Amino acid sequence: MTMDFGDVLWSMIVFFFWFMFIWMFIAVFADVFRRKDLSGWGKAGWIAFVVILPFLGALVYLIARPKPTEAELRSMGMMPYRGAPEAAVHSTADEIERLSKLHDDGKIDDAEYATLKQRAMGLTA
């Protein structure tokens, strides 16, 4: 049995579509089970529909599926947490500049400025 270029190409295309077919089922099943807005019967109905009529079931599910909520997007890592404070990263120069401004405005005295400046530079704890 000899295989020419057309047979190899056709085999690759068939393999690709089988792989996509299986991946589509995995994605739909995972999404159905991940959803919190569906009851158990709703999940069972979608799974039965996708198993009985595979392509039509997956296509209808993709069309009928509601947009993901913010919580779902956050759990998938597609949206940053809102309200969670970002870690403030200040360099030593930024901290000394802020202390200098406070000192110039008269909000801290010379002793406090010297102490806080030493602490910002990491010379004292």
N, C-alpha and C. Protein backbone atom coordinates (compact mmCIF):
# COMPACT_ATOMS: atom_id res chain seq x y z
N MET A 1 0.84 -1.17 0.00
CA MET A 1 0.00 0.00 0.00
C MET A 1 0.89 1.23 0.00
N THR A 2 0.72 2.05 -0.99
CA THR A 2 1.51 3.27 -1.08
C THR A 2 0.62 4.47 -0.78
N MET A 3 1.23 5.43 -0.15
CA MET A 3 0.50 6.66 0.16
C MET A 3 1.18 7.80 -0.59
N ASP A 4 0.41 8.50 -1.36
CA ASP A 4 0.97 9.67 -2.03
C ASP A 4 0.70 10.92 -1.20
N PHE A 5 1.10 12.07 -1.72
CA PHE A 5 0.97 13.33 -0.98
C PHE A 5 -0.48 13.64 -0.63
N GLY A 6 -1.39 13.37 -1.53
CA GLY A 6 -2.81 13.62 -1.28
C GLY A 6 -3.35 12.80 -0.14
N ASP A 7 -2.94 11.53 -0.03
CA ASP A 7 -3.38 10.68 1.07
C ASP A 7 -2.84 11.18 2.41
N VAL A 8 -1.60 11.60 2.43
CA VAL A 8 -1.00 12.13 3.65
C VAL A 8 -1.72 13.42 4.06
N LEU A 9 -1.95 14.28 3.09
CA LEU A 9 -2.65 15.55 3.38
C LEU A 9 -4.05 15.28 3.90
N TRP A 10 -4.76 14.35 3.25
CA TRP A 10 -6.12 14.02 3.68
C TRP A 10 -6.10 13.43 5.09
N SER A 11 -5.14 12.58 5.40
CA SER A 11 -5.03 11.99 6.74
C SER A 11 -4.78 13.08 7.78
N MET A 12 -3.95 14.05 7.46
CA MET A 12 -3.69 15.15 8.40
C MET A 12 -4.94 15.98 8.63
N ILE A 13 -5.71 16.25 7.59
CA ILE A 13 -6.94 17.02 7.73
C ILE A 13 -7.95 16.27 8.59
N VAL A 14 -8.10 14.98 8.33
CA VAL A 14 -9.03 14.15 9.12
C VAL A 14 -8.59 14.14 10.59
N PHE A 15 -7.30 13.95 10.84
CA PHE A 15 -6.80 13.96 12.21
C PHE A 15 -7.09 15.29 12.88
N PHE A 16 -6.85 16.40 12.16
CA PHE A 16 -7.10 17.72 12.71
C PHE A 16 -8.56 17.88 13.10
N PHE A 17 -9.49 17.46 12.25
CA PHE A 17 -10.91 17.62 12.56
C PHE A 17 -11.35 16.70 13.70
N TRP A 18 -10.80 15.50 13.79
CA TRP A 18 -11.11 14.65 14.94
C TRP A 18 -10.59 15.28 16.23
N PHE A 19 -9.39 15.81 16.17
CA PHE A 19 -8.83 16.48 17.35
C PHE A 19 -9.69 17.66 17.77
N MET A 20 -10.12 18.48 16.81
CA MET A 20 -10.97 19.63 17.11
C MET A 20 -12.34 19.18 17.63
N PHE A 21 -12.86 18.10 17.09
CA PHE A 21 -14.14 17.54 17.53
C PHE A 21 -14.06 17.14 19.00
N ILE A 22 -13.01 16.42 19.36
CA ILE A 22 -12.84 16.00 20.76
C ILE A 22 -12.60 17.20 21.66
N TRP A 23 -11.81 18.15 21.21
CA TRP A 23 -11.53 19.34 22.01
C TRP A 23 -12.80 20.17 22.22
N MET A 24 -13.66 20.24 21.21
CA MET A 24 -14.91 20.96 21.32
C MET A 24 -15.78 20.34 22.42
N PHE A 25 -15.85 19.01 22.45
CA PHE A 25 -16.63 18.36 23.50
C PHE A 25 -16.04 18.61 24.88
N ILE A 26 -14.75 18.54 25.00
CA ILE A 26 -14.12 18.80 26.30
C ILE A 26 -14.44 20.23 26.75
N ALA A 27 -14.33 21.19 25.84
CA ALA A 27 -14.59 22.59 26.20
C ALA A 27 -16.05 22.80 26.58
N VAL A 28 -16.98 22.24 25.82
CA VAL A 28 -18.40 22.41 26.14
C VAL A 28 -18.74 21.73 27.46
N PHE A 29 -18.27 20.51 27.67
CA PHE A 29 -18.54 19.82 28.93
C PHE A 29 -17.96 20.58 30.11
N ALA A 30 -16.73 21.04 29.98
CA ALA A 30 -16.11 21.80 31.07
C ALA A 30 -16.90 23.07 31.36
N ASP A 31 -17.35 23.76 30.33
CA ASP A 31 -18.10 24.99 30.52
C ASP A 31 -19.45 24.71 31.16
N VAL A 32 -20.12 23.65 30.75
CA VAL A 32 -21.42 23.30 31.34
C VAL A 32 -21.25 23.01 32.82
N PHE A 33 -20.25 22.22 33.18
CA PHE A 33 -20.07 21.86 34.58
C PHE A 33 -19.54 23.03 35.42
N ARG A 34 -18.87 24.00 34.81
CA ARG A 34 -18.33 25.13 35.53
C ARG A 34 -19.40 26.17 35.85
N ARG A 35 -20.45 26.23 35.04
CA ARG A 35 -21.47 27.27 35.20
C ARG A 35 -22.23 27.08 36.50
N LYS A 36 -22.43 28.19 37.19
CA LYS A 36 -23.17 28.15 38.46
C LYS A 36 -24.62 28.56 38.27
N ASP A 37 -24.96 29.10 37.10
CA ASP A 37 -26.33 29.55 36.87
C ASP A 37 -27.23 28.44 36.33
N LEU A 38 -26.69 27.25 36.09
CA LEU A 38 -27.48 26.11 35.61
C LEU A 38 -27.75 25.15 36.75
N SER A 39 -28.98 24.63 36.78
CA SER A 39 -29.31 23.60 37.77
C SER A 39 -28.72 22.27 37.30
N GLY A 40 -28.83 21.27 38.11
CA GLY A 40 -28.36 19.94 37.74
C GLY A 40 -29.10 19.40 36.53
N TRP A 41 -30.42 19.63 36.48
CA TRP A 41 -31.21 19.17 35.33
C TRP A 41 -30.82 19.94 34.07
N GLY A 42 -30.53 21.20 34.19
CA GLY A 42 -30.09 21.98 33.04
C GLY A 42 -28.77 21.47 32.49
N LYS A 43 -27.85 21.15 33.40
CA LYS A 43 -26.56 20.59 32.98
C LYS A 43 -26.76 19.24 32.30
N ALA A 44 -27.62 18.41 32.89
CA ALA A 44 -27.88 17.09 32.30
C ALA A 44 -28.52 17.24 30.92
N GLY A 45 -29.42 18.20 30.78
CA GLY A 45 -30.06 18.43 29.49
C GLY A 45 -29.06 18.84 28.42
N TRP A 46 -28.16 19.77 28.76
CA TRP A 46 -27.15 20.20 27.78
C TRP A 46 -26.23 19.06 27.40
N ILE A 47 -25.80 18.27 28.40
CA ILE A 47 -24.89 17.15 28.11
C ILE A 47 -25.60 16.14 27.22
N ALA A 48 -26.85 15.82 27.52
CA ALA A 48 -27.60 14.86 26.68
C ALA A 48 -27.75 15.40 25.26
N PHE A 49 -28.06 16.69 25.14
CA PHE A 49 -28.24 17.29 23.81
C PHE A 49 -26.94 17.22 23.01
N VAL A 50 -25.83 17.51 23.66
CA VAL A 50 -24.53 17.50 22.96
C VAL A 50 -24.12 16.07 22.62
N VAL A 51 -24.47 15.09 23.46
CA VAL A 51 -24.10 13.70 23.17
C VAL A 51 -24.98 13.13 22.05
N ILE A 52 -26.27 13.45 22.07
CA ILE A 52 -27.19 12.88 21.07
C ILE A 52 -27.00 13.53 19.70
N LEU A 53 -26.92 14.85 19.67
CA LEU A 53 -26.70 15.57 18.41
C LEU A 53 -25.43 16.41 18.55
N PRO A 54 -24.27 15.81 18.33
CA PRO A 54 -23.00 16.45 18.69
C PRO A 54 -22.77 17.83 18.08
N PHE A 55 -22.76 17.95 16.78
CA PHE A 55 -22.44 19.25 16.18
C PHE A 55 -23.53 20.27 16.43
N LEU A 56 -24.78 19.85 16.25
CA LEU A 56 -25.89 20.77 16.48
C LEU A 56 -25.96 21.18 17.94
N GLY A 57 -25.75 20.23 18.85
CA GLY A 57 -25.79 20.53 20.28
C GLY A 57 -24.71 21.52 20.68
N ALA A 58 -23.50 21.33 20.20
CA ALA A 58 -22.41 22.25 20.54
C ALA A 58 -22.65 23.62 19.93
N LEU A 59 -23.15 23.65 18.70
CA LEU A 59 -23.42 24.93 18.05
C LEU A 59 -24.53 25.70 18.77
N VAL A 60 -25.62 25.01 19.13
CA VAL A 60 -26.71 25.65 19.86
C VAL A 60 -26.23 26.12 21.22
N TYR A 61 -25.40 25.32 21.90
CA TYR A 61 -24.88 25.73 23.20
C TYR A 61 -24.03 26.99 23.09
N LEU A 62 -23.17 27.05 22.09
CA LEU A 62 -22.33 28.23 21.92
C LEU A 62 -23.15 29.47 21.60
N ILE A 63 -24.25 29.32 20.88
CA ILE A 63 -25.11 30.45 20.56
C ILE A 63 -25.94 30.86 21.78
N ALA A 64 -26.47 29.88 22.52
CA ALA A 64 -27.39 30.16 23.62
C ALA A 64 -26.69 30.51 24.92
N ARG A 65 -25.41 30.24 25.02
CA ARG A 65 -24.72 30.47 26.29
C ARG A 65 -24.67 31.96 26.60
N PRO A 66 -25.05 32.34 27.85
CA PRO A 66 -24.98 33.76 28.21
C PRO A 66 -23.54 34.23 28.34
N LYS A 67 -23.38 35.55 28.29
CA LYS A 67 -22.03 36.10 28.45
C LYS A 67 -21.51 35.77 29.85
N PRO A 68 -20.21 35.54 29.96
CA PRO A 68 -19.67 35.21 31.29
C PRO A 68 -19.75 36.40 32.23
N THR A 69 -19.98 36.09 33.50
CA THR A 69 -20.04 37.13 34.52
C THR A 69 -18.62 37.56 34.89
N GLU A 70 -18.53 38.64 35.67
CA GLU A 70 -17.21 39.11 36.10
C GLU A 70 -16.50 38.06 36.94
N ALA A 71 -17.26 37.36 37.78
CA ALA A 71 -16.65 36.32 38.62
C ALA A 71 -16.07 35.19 37.77
N GLU A 72 -16.79 34.82 36.71
CA GLU A 72 -16.27 33.77 35.82
C GLU A 72 -15.01 34.23 35.10
N LEU A 73 -15.02 35.49 34.64
CA LEU A 73 -13.84 36.01 33.95
C LEU A 73 -12.64 36.08 34.90
N ARG A 74 -12.89 36.48 36.16
CA ARG A 74 -11.81 36.52 37.14
C ARG A 74 -11.27 35.12 37.41
N SER A 75 -12.16 34.12 37.51
CA SER A 75 -11.70 32.77 37.80
C SER A 75 -10.90 32.18 36.65
N MET A 76 -11.17 32.65 35.43
CA MET A 76 -10.40 32.19 34.28
C MET A 76 -9.15 33.02 34.07
N GLY A 77 -8.94 34.05 34.91
CA GLY A 77 -7.75 34.88 34.80
C GLY A 77 -7.81 35.88 33.67
N MET A 78 -9.00 36.21 33.21
CA MET A 78 -9.14 37.12 32.09
C MET A 78 -9.49 38.54 32.53
N MET A 79 -9.64 38.77 33.84
CA MET A 79 -9.99 40.09 34.34
C MET A 79 -9.32 40.27 35.70
N PRO A 80 -8.72 41.42 35.93
CA PRO A 80 -8.09 41.63 37.24
C PRO A 80 -9.15 41.78 38.32
N TYR A 81 -8.77 41.48 39.54
CA TYR A 81 -9.69 41.63 40.65
C TYR A 81 -9.94 43.11 40.90
N ARG A 82 -11.20 43.49 40.86
CA ARG A 82 -11.56 44.88 41.10
C ARG A 82 -11.65 45.09 42.60
N GLY A 83 -11.14 46.18 43.05
CA GLY A 83 -11.21 46.50 44.47
C GLY A 83 -10.03 45.96 45.25
N ALA A 84 -9.31 45.03 44.71
CA ALA A 84 -8.13 44.52 45.38
C ALA A 84 -7.01 45.53 45.22
N PRO A 85 -6.45 45.99 46.32
CA PRO A 85 -5.40 47.01 46.20
C PRO A 85 -4.16 46.47 45.52
N GLU A 86 -3.68 47.22 44.60
CA GLU A 86 -2.43 46.86 43.94
C GLU A 86 -1.29 47.15 44.91
N ALA A 87 -0.30 46.34 44.89
CA ALA A 87 0.84 46.55 45.77
C ALA A 87 1.60 47.79 45.31
N ALA A 88 1.73 48.74 46.24
CA ALA A 88 2.42 49.97 45.90
C ALA A 88 3.92 49.72 45.94
N VAL A 89 4.57 49.99 44.85
CA VAL A 89 6.00 49.77 44.76
C VAL A 89 6.66 51.15 44.64
N HIS A 90 7.42 51.49 45.67
CA HIS A 90 8.12 52.78 45.67
C HIS A 90 9.60 52.50 45.77
N SER A 91 10.35 53.25 45.04
CA SER A 91 11.79 53.13 45.15
C SER A 91 12.26 53.98 46.32
N THR A 92 13.49 53.79 46.70
CA THR A 92 14.07 54.58 47.79
C THR A 92 14.08 56.06 47.43
N ALA A 93 14.39 56.37 46.19
CA ALA A 93 14.41 57.77 45.75
C ALA A 93 13.02 58.40 45.85
N ASP A 94 11.98 57.64 45.48
CA ASP A 94 10.61 58.15 45.60
C ASP A 94 10.26 58.44 47.05
N GLU A 95 10.65 57.54 47.91
CA GLU A 95 10.35 57.71 49.34
C GLU A 95 11.09 58.92 49.92
N ILE A 96 12.35 59.10 49.56
CA ILE A 96 13.10 60.25 50.05
C ILE A 96 12.53 61.54 49.49
N GLU A 97 12.10 61.52 48.23
CA GLU A 97 11.48 62.71 47.64
C GLU A 97 10.19 63.07 48.37
N ARG A 98 9.39 62.05 48.72
CA ARG A 98 8.15 62.30 49.46
C ARG A 98 8.45 62.86 50.85
N LEU A 99 9.46 62.29 51.50
CA LEU A 99 9.85 62.80 52.82
C LEU A 99 10.38 64.23 52.73
N SER A 100 11.15 64.53 51.69
CA SER A 100 11.67 65.87 51.50
C SER A 100 10.54 66.88 51.32
N LYS A 101 9.52 66.50 50.58
CA LYS A 101 8.36 67.39 50.38
C LYS A 101 7.64 67.62 51.69
N LEU A 102 7.47 66.56 52.47
CA LEU A 102 6.83 66.71 53.78
C LEU A 102 7.66 67.62 54.69
N HIS A 103 8.98 67.47 54.62
CA HIS A 103 9.86 68.30 55.43
C HIS A 103 9.79 69.76 54.99
N ASP A 104 9.81 69.99 53.67
CA ASP A 104 9.75 71.36 53.15
C ASP A 104 8.41 72.03 53.46
N ASP A 105 7.34 71.24 53.50
CA ASP A 105 6.03 71.79 53.82
C ASP A 105 5.84 72.02 55.32
N GLY A 106 6.80 71.56 56.11
CA GLY A 106 6.74 71.76 57.55
C GLY A 106 5.89 70.73 58.27
N LYS A 107 5.58 69.64 57.63
CA LYS A 107 4.73 68.62 58.25
C LYS A 107 5.53 67.68 59.14
N ILE A 108 6.84 67.55 58.88
CA ILE A 108 7.71 66.79 59.78
C ILE A 108 8.93 67.66 60.08
N ASP A 109 9.48 67.49 61.30
CA ASP A 109 10.63 68.31 61.69
C ASP A 109 11.93 67.64 61.24
N ASP A 110 13.04 68.29 61.57
CA ASP A 110 14.34 67.81 61.12
C ASP A 110 14.68 66.43 61.67
N ALA A 111 14.37 66.17 62.92
CA ALA A 111 14.70 64.88 63.54
C ALA A 111 13.88 63.76 62.89
N GLU A 112 12.58 64.01 62.68
CA GLU A 112 11.75 63.00 62.03
C GLU A 112 12.22 62.74 60.61
N TYR A 113 12.57 63.80 59.90
CA TYR A 113 13.05 63.68 58.52
C TYR A 113 14.30 62.81 58.46
N ALA A 114 15.25 63.08 59.37
CA ALA A 114 16.50 62.32 59.39
C ALA A 114 16.24 60.85 59.71
N THR A 115 15.36 60.59 60.69
CA THR A 115 15.05 59.22 61.09
C THR A 115 14.37 58.46 59.95
N LEU A 116 13.36 59.10 59.36
CA LEU A 116 12.61 58.44 58.27
C LEU A 116 13.47 58.25 57.02
N LYS A 117 14.39 59.20 56.78
CA LYS A 117 15.28 59.08 55.64
C LYS A 117 16.23 57.90 55.84
N GLN A 118 16.76 57.75 57.06
CA GLN A 118 17.64 56.62 57.36
C GLN A 118 16.88 55.29 57.18
N ARG A 119 15.63 55.26 57.66
CA ARG A 119 14.82 54.05 57.55
C ARG A 119 14.53 53.72 56.08
N ALA A 120 14.25 54.76 55.26
CA ALA A 120 13.96 54.55 53.83
C ALA A 120 15.19 54.01 53.10
N MET A 121 16.36 54.45 53.53
CA MET A 121 17.58 53.98 52.88
C MET A 121 18.01 52.61 53.42
N GLY A 122 17.28 52.12 54.43
CA GLY A 122 17.58 50.79 54.96
C GLY A 122 18.75 50.75 55.90
N LEU A 123 19.14 51.93 56.41
CA LEU A 123 20.29 51.95 57.32
C LEU A 123 19.91 51.60 58.75
N THR A 124 18.65 51.86 59.11
CA THR A 124 18.16 51.47 60.44
C THR A 124 16.80 50.82 60.30
N ALA A 125 16.46 50.05 61.29
CA ALA A 125 15.15 49.35 61.25
C ALA A 125 14.09 50.12 61.95
